[in-house]
Amino acid sequence: MCRSGIWAKAPRVPRVHDFRHAFAVAALRRWYEEERDVQSELPKLAMYMGHVSIASTTYYLRFMPAVVTLASERFASDCGDLIDDGGAA
């Protein structure tokens, strides 16, 4: 592990939880980038991570700016025409 540089100048050593979080976030980002149905993929992620339900998996999927940006772009693309522009003419 020392040769990997993971511990170089780190305030603490990585925990298993950190690797699980990174894995879950990477999966979510990849699904958005591949334009997959993220909601249908979440149960698969929960099962892969050994969780009984998606609720346990969401703990690993806290607010992440990069994922929020991808989700917002998808929403705007799919549903942007449904949003009222506030009456601007």
N, C-alpha and C. Protein backbone atom coordinates (compact mmCIF):
# COMPACT_ATOMS: atom_id res chain seq x y z
N MET A 1 0.82 -1.20 0.00
CA MET A 1 0.00 0.00 0.00
C MET A 1 0.85 1.26 0.00
N CYS A 2 2.02 1.21 0.63
CA CYS A 2 2.87 2.40 0.70
C CYS A 2 3.30 2.84 -0.69
N ARG A 3 3.60 1.90 -1.58
CA ARG A 3 4.03 2.25 -2.94
C ARG A 3 2.91 2.88 -3.75
N SER A 4 1.66 2.67 -3.36
CA SER A 4 0.54 3.23 -4.11
C SER A 4 0.42 4.73 -3.92
N GLY A 5 1.02 5.26 -2.86
CA GLY A 5 0.93 6.69 -2.61
C GLY A 5 -0.35 7.10 -1.90
N ILE A 6 -1.17 6.13 -1.53
CA ILE A 6 -2.44 6.45 -0.89
C ILE A 6 -2.21 7.20 0.42
N TRP A 7 -1.17 6.83 1.14
CA TRP A 7 -0.94 7.44 2.45
C TRP A 7 -0.07 8.68 2.38
N ALA A 8 0.46 9.00 1.24
CA ALA A 8 1.36 10.14 1.13
C ALA A 8 0.64 11.44 1.51
N LYS A 9 1.11 12.06 2.56
CA LYS A 9 0.60 13.36 3.03
C LYS A 9 -0.88 13.34 3.37
N ALA A 10 -1.45 12.19 3.63
CA ALA A 10 -2.86 12.10 4.00
C ALA A 10 -3.01 12.35 5.49
N PRO A 11 -4.07 13.07 5.88
CA PRO A 11 -4.27 13.31 7.31
C PRO A 11 -4.61 12.03 8.09
N ARG A 12 -5.10 11.04 7.38
CA ARG A 12 -5.44 9.76 8.02
C ARG A 12 -5.38 8.68 6.95
N VAL A 13 -5.30 7.45 7.37
CA VAL A 13 -5.26 6.35 6.41
C VAL A 13 -6.66 6.12 5.86
N PRO A 14 -6.78 5.67 4.61
CA PRO A 14 -8.10 5.39 4.05
C PRO A 14 -8.78 4.24 4.78
N ARG A 15 -10.10 4.34 4.89
CA ARG A 15 -10.90 3.30 5.52
C ARG A 15 -11.65 2.53 4.43
N VAL A 16 -12.12 1.36 4.76
CA VAL A 16 -12.93 0.58 3.81
C VAL A 16 -14.12 1.41 3.37
N HIS A 17 -14.71 2.15 4.29
CA HIS A 17 -15.86 3.01 3.97
C HIS A 17 -15.50 4.00 2.85
N ASP A 18 -14.29 4.53 2.86
CA ASP A 18 -13.86 5.49 1.83
C ASP A 18 -13.84 4.84 0.45
N PHE A 19 -13.36 3.61 0.38
CA PHE A 19 -13.33 2.90 -0.90
C PHE A 19 -14.74 2.57 -1.38
N ARG A 20 -15.61 2.18 -0.45
CA ARG A 20 -17.01 1.88 -0.82
C ARG A 20 -17.70 3.13 -1.35
N HIS A 21 -17.45 4.26 -0.69
CA HIS A 21 -18.04 5.53 -1.12
C HIS A 21 -17.55 5.89 -2.52
N ALA A 22 -16.24 5.78 -2.74
CA ALA A 22 -15.67 6.10 -4.05
C ALA A 22 -16.25 5.19 -5.13
N PHE A 23 -16.43 3.92 -4.83
CA PHE A 23 -17.01 2.98 -5.79
C PHE A 23 -18.44 3.37 -6.13
N ALA A 24 -19.25 3.68 -5.13
CA ALA A 24 -20.66 4.03 -5.35
C ALA A 24 -20.77 5.32 -6.16
N VAL A 25 -19.98 6.31 -5.83
CA VAL A 25 -20.01 7.58 -6.55
C VAL A 25 -19.57 7.39 -8.00
N ALA A 26 -18.53 6.62 -8.21
CA ALA A 26 -18.06 6.37 -9.58
C ALA A 26 -19.13 5.67 -10.41
N ALA A 27 -19.84 4.73 -9.81
CA ALA A 27 -20.91 4.03 -10.52
C ALA A 27 -22.01 5.02 -10.91
N LEU A 28 -22.41 5.87 -9.98
CA LEU A 28 -23.47 6.84 -10.25
C LEU A 28 -23.07 7.80 -11.36
N ARG A 29 -21.87 8.33 -11.28
CA ARG A 29 -21.38 9.23 -12.34
C ARG A 29 -21.35 8.52 -13.70
N ARG A 30 -20.85 7.29 -13.72
CA ARG A 30 -20.75 6.53 -14.98
C ARG A 30 -22.14 6.34 -15.58
N TRP A 31 -23.13 6.01 -14.75
CA TRP A 31 -24.49 5.80 -15.27
C TRP A 31 -25.05 7.07 -15.88
N TYR A 32 -24.85 8.22 -15.23
CA TYR A 32 -25.32 9.47 -15.81
C TYR A 32 -24.59 9.76 -17.12
N GLU A 33 -23.29 9.57 -17.15
CA GLU A 33 -22.52 9.85 -18.36
C GLU A 33 -22.90 8.92 -19.50
N GLU A 34 -23.29 7.69 -19.18
CA GLU A 34 -23.71 6.72 -20.21
C GLU A 34 -25.20 6.85 -20.53
N GLU A 35 -25.87 7.83 -19.91
CA GLU A 35 -27.30 8.09 -20.11
C GLU A 35 -28.15 6.87 -19.79
N ARG A 36 -27.76 6.14 -18.76
CA ARG A 36 -28.54 4.97 -18.33
C ARG A 36 -29.64 5.41 -17.37
N ASP A 37 -30.60 4.53 -17.14
CA ASP A 37 -31.68 4.80 -16.21
C ASP A 37 -31.16 4.57 -14.79
N VAL A 38 -30.75 5.66 -14.14
CA VAL A 38 -30.10 5.58 -12.84
C VAL A 38 -31.01 4.93 -11.80
N GLN A 39 -32.28 5.26 -11.82
CA GLN A 39 -33.20 4.69 -10.82
C GLN A 39 -33.29 3.18 -10.92
N SER A 40 -33.21 2.64 -12.13
CA SER A 40 -33.28 1.18 -12.26
C SER A 40 -31.94 0.52 -11.92
N GLU A 41 -30.86 1.30 -11.94
CA GLU A 41 -29.54 0.76 -11.61
C GLU A 41 -29.29 0.72 -10.11
N LEU A 42 -29.92 1.61 -9.34
CA LEU A 42 -29.66 1.69 -7.90
C LEU A 42 -29.89 0.37 -7.15
N PRO A 43 -30.95 -0.38 -7.43
CA PRO A 43 -31.10 -1.67 -6.73
C PRO A 43 -29.94 -2.63 -7.01
N LYS A 44 -29.38 -2.56 -8.22
CA LYS A 44 -28.23 -3.40 -8.54
C LYS A 44 -27.01 -3.00 -7.71
N LEU A 45 -26.82 -1.69 -7.57
CA LEU A 45 -25.70 -1.20 -6.75
C LEU A 45 -25.88 -1.63 -5.30
N ALA A 46 -27.10 -1.51 -4.79
CA ALA A 46 -27.37 -1.92 -3.41
C ALA A 46 -27.06 -3.40 -3.22
N MET A 47 -27.48 -4.23 -4.15
CA MET A 47 -27.23 -5.66 -4.05
C MET A 47 -25.73 -5.94 -4.13
N TYR A 48 -25.04 -5.30 -5.04
CA TYR A 48 -23.61 -5.52 -5.20
C TYR A 48 -22.84 -5.13 -3.93
N MET A 49 -23.31 -4.06 -3.27
CA MET A 49 -22.64 -3.59 -2.06
C MET A 49 -23.08 -4.38 -0.82
N GLY A 50 -24.02 -5.31 -1.00
CA GLY A 50 -24.44 -6.15 0.11
C GLY A 50 -25.48 -5.52 1.01
N HIS A 51 -26.21 -4.54 0.49
CA HIS A 51 -27.23 -3.87 1.29
C HIS A 51 -28.58 -4.54 1.09
N VAL A 52 -29.39 -4.51 2.13
CA VAL A 52 -30.73 -5.08 2.06
C VAL A 52 -31.66 -4.19 1.24
N SER A 53 -31.44 -2.89 1.32
CA SER A 53 -32.30 -1.95 0.59
C SER A 53 -31.48 -0.80 0.03
N ILE A 54 -32.10 -0.03 -0.84
CA ILE A 54 -31.46 1.14 -1.43
C ILE A 54 -31.19 2.19 -0.36
N ALA A 55 -32.01 2.22 0.68
CA ALA A 55 -31.84 3.21 1.75
C ALA A 55 -30.44 3.13 2.34
N SER A 56 -29.91 1.94 2.51
CA SER A 56 -28.55 1.80 3.04
C SER A 56 -27.52 2.30 2.04
N THR A 57 -27.78 2.14 0.77
CA THR A 57 -26.84 2.56 -0.26
C THR A 57 -26.80 4.08 -0.37
N THR A 58 -27.92 4.75 -0.14
CA THR A 58 -27.95 6.20 -0.28
C THR A 58 -27.01 6.89 0.70
N TYR A 59 -26.64 6.21 1.78
CA TYR A 59 -25.67 6.77 2.72
C TYR A 59 -24.36 7.07 2.00
N TYR A 60 -23.99 6.30 1.02
CA TYR A 60 -22.76 6.48 0.27
C TYR A 60 -22.91 7.52 -0.84
N LEU A 61 -24.12 7.95 -1.11
CA LEU A 61 -24.38 8.85 -2.23
C LEU A 61 -24.81 10.22 -1.74
N ARG A 62 -24.01 10.81 -0.89
CA ARG A 62 -24.30 12.14 -0.39
C ARG A 62 -24.20 13.15 -1.54
N PHE A 63 -24.51 14.41 -1.22
CA PHE A 63 -24.45 15.48 -2.20
C PHE A 63 -23.08 15.54 -2.86
N MET A 64 -23.07 15.40 -4.16
CA MET A 64 -21.82 15.43 -4.92
C MET A 64 -22.02 16.38 -6.09
N PRO A 65 -21.33 17.52 -6.11
CA PRO A 65 -21.54 18.52 -7.16
C PRO A 65 -21.47 17.97 -8.58
N ALA A 66 -20.52 17.10 -8.88
CA ALA A 66 -20.40 16.58 -10.25
C ALA A 66 -21.63 15.78 -10.64
N VAL A 67 -22.15 14.98 -9.72
CA VAL A 67 -23.34 14.17 -10.02
C VAL A 67 -24.57 15.06 -10.10
N VAL A 68 -24.65 16.07 -9.24
CA VAL A 68 -25.78 17.00 -9.29
C VAL A 68 -25.81 17.71 -10.65
N THR A 69 -24.66 18.10 -11.14
CA THR A 69 -24.58 18.76 -12.44
C THR A 69 -25.08 17.83 -13.55
N LEU A 70 -24.62 16.58 -13.54
CA LEU A 70 -25.06 15.62 -14.55
C LEU A 70 -26.57 15.37 -14.47
N ALA A 71 -27.09 15.22 -13.24
CA ALA A 71 -28.53 14.99 -13.06
C ALA A 71 -29.33 16.21 -13.51
N SER A 72 -28.85 17.40 -13.20
CA SER A 72 -29.55 18.63 -13.60
C SER A 72 -29.58 18.77 -15.12
N GLU A 73 -28.46 18.45 -15.76
CA GLU A 73 -28.41 18.52 -17.22
C GLU A 73 -29.39 17.53 -17.84
N ARG A 74 -29.47 16.34 -17.28
CA ARG A 74 -30.40 15.34 -17.80
C ARG A 74 -31.85 15.81 -17.61
N PHE A 75 -32.15 16.35 -16.43
CA PHE A 75 -33.50 16.84 -16.17
C PHE A 75 -33.86 17.96 -17.14
N ALA A 76 -32.94 18.90 -17.35
CA ALA A 76 -33.20 20.01 -18.27
C ALA A 76 -33.44 19.50 -19.68
N SER A 77 -32.67 18.50 -20.07
CA SER A 77 -32.81 17.93 -21.41
C SER A 77 -34.15 17.21 -21.57
N ASP A 78 -34.52 16.44 -20.55
CA ASP A 78 -35.73 15.62 -20.64
C ASP A 78 -37.01 16.37 -20.30
N CYS A 79 -36.92 17.32 -19.36
CA CYS A 79 -38.15 17.94 -18.84
C CYS A 79 -38.11 19.46 -18.83
N GLY A 80 -37.08 20.04 -19.39
CA GLY A 80 -36.94 21.50 -19.36
C GLY A 80 -38.11 22.24 -19.97
N ASP A 81 -38.74 21.67 -20.98
CA ASP A 81 -39.86 22.34 -21.62
C ASP A 81 -41.12 22.32 -20.76
N LEU A 82 -41.14 21.59 -19.68
CA LEU A 82 -42.30 21.54 -18.80
C LEU A 82 -42.27 22.62 -17.73
N ILE A 83 -41.12 23.26 -17.58
CA ILE A 83 -40.96 24.28 -16.53
C ILE A 83 -41.41 25.62 -17.07
N ASP A 84 -42.27 26.26 -16.30
CA ASP A 84 -42.74 27.60 -16.64
C ASP A 84 -41.59 28.58 -16.46
N ASP A 85 -41.41 29.46 -17.39
CA ASP A 85 -40.31 30.42 -17.31
C ASP A 85 -40.62 31.60 -16.40
N GLY A 86 -41.67 31.52 -15.60
CA GLY A 86 -42.02 32.59 -14.67
C GLY A 86 -42.77 33.74 -15.31
N GLY A 87 -43.28 33.53 -16.49
CA GLY A 87 -44.07 34.56 -17.14
C GLY A 87 -43.25 35.53 -17.97
N ALA A 88 -41.97 35.25 -18.13
CA ALA A 88 -41.14 36.13 -18.95
C ALA A 88 -41.57 36.05 -20.40
N ALA A 89 -41.60 37.18 -21.06
CA ALA A 89 -42.06 37.20 -22.44
C ALA A 89 -40.95 37.41 -23.41
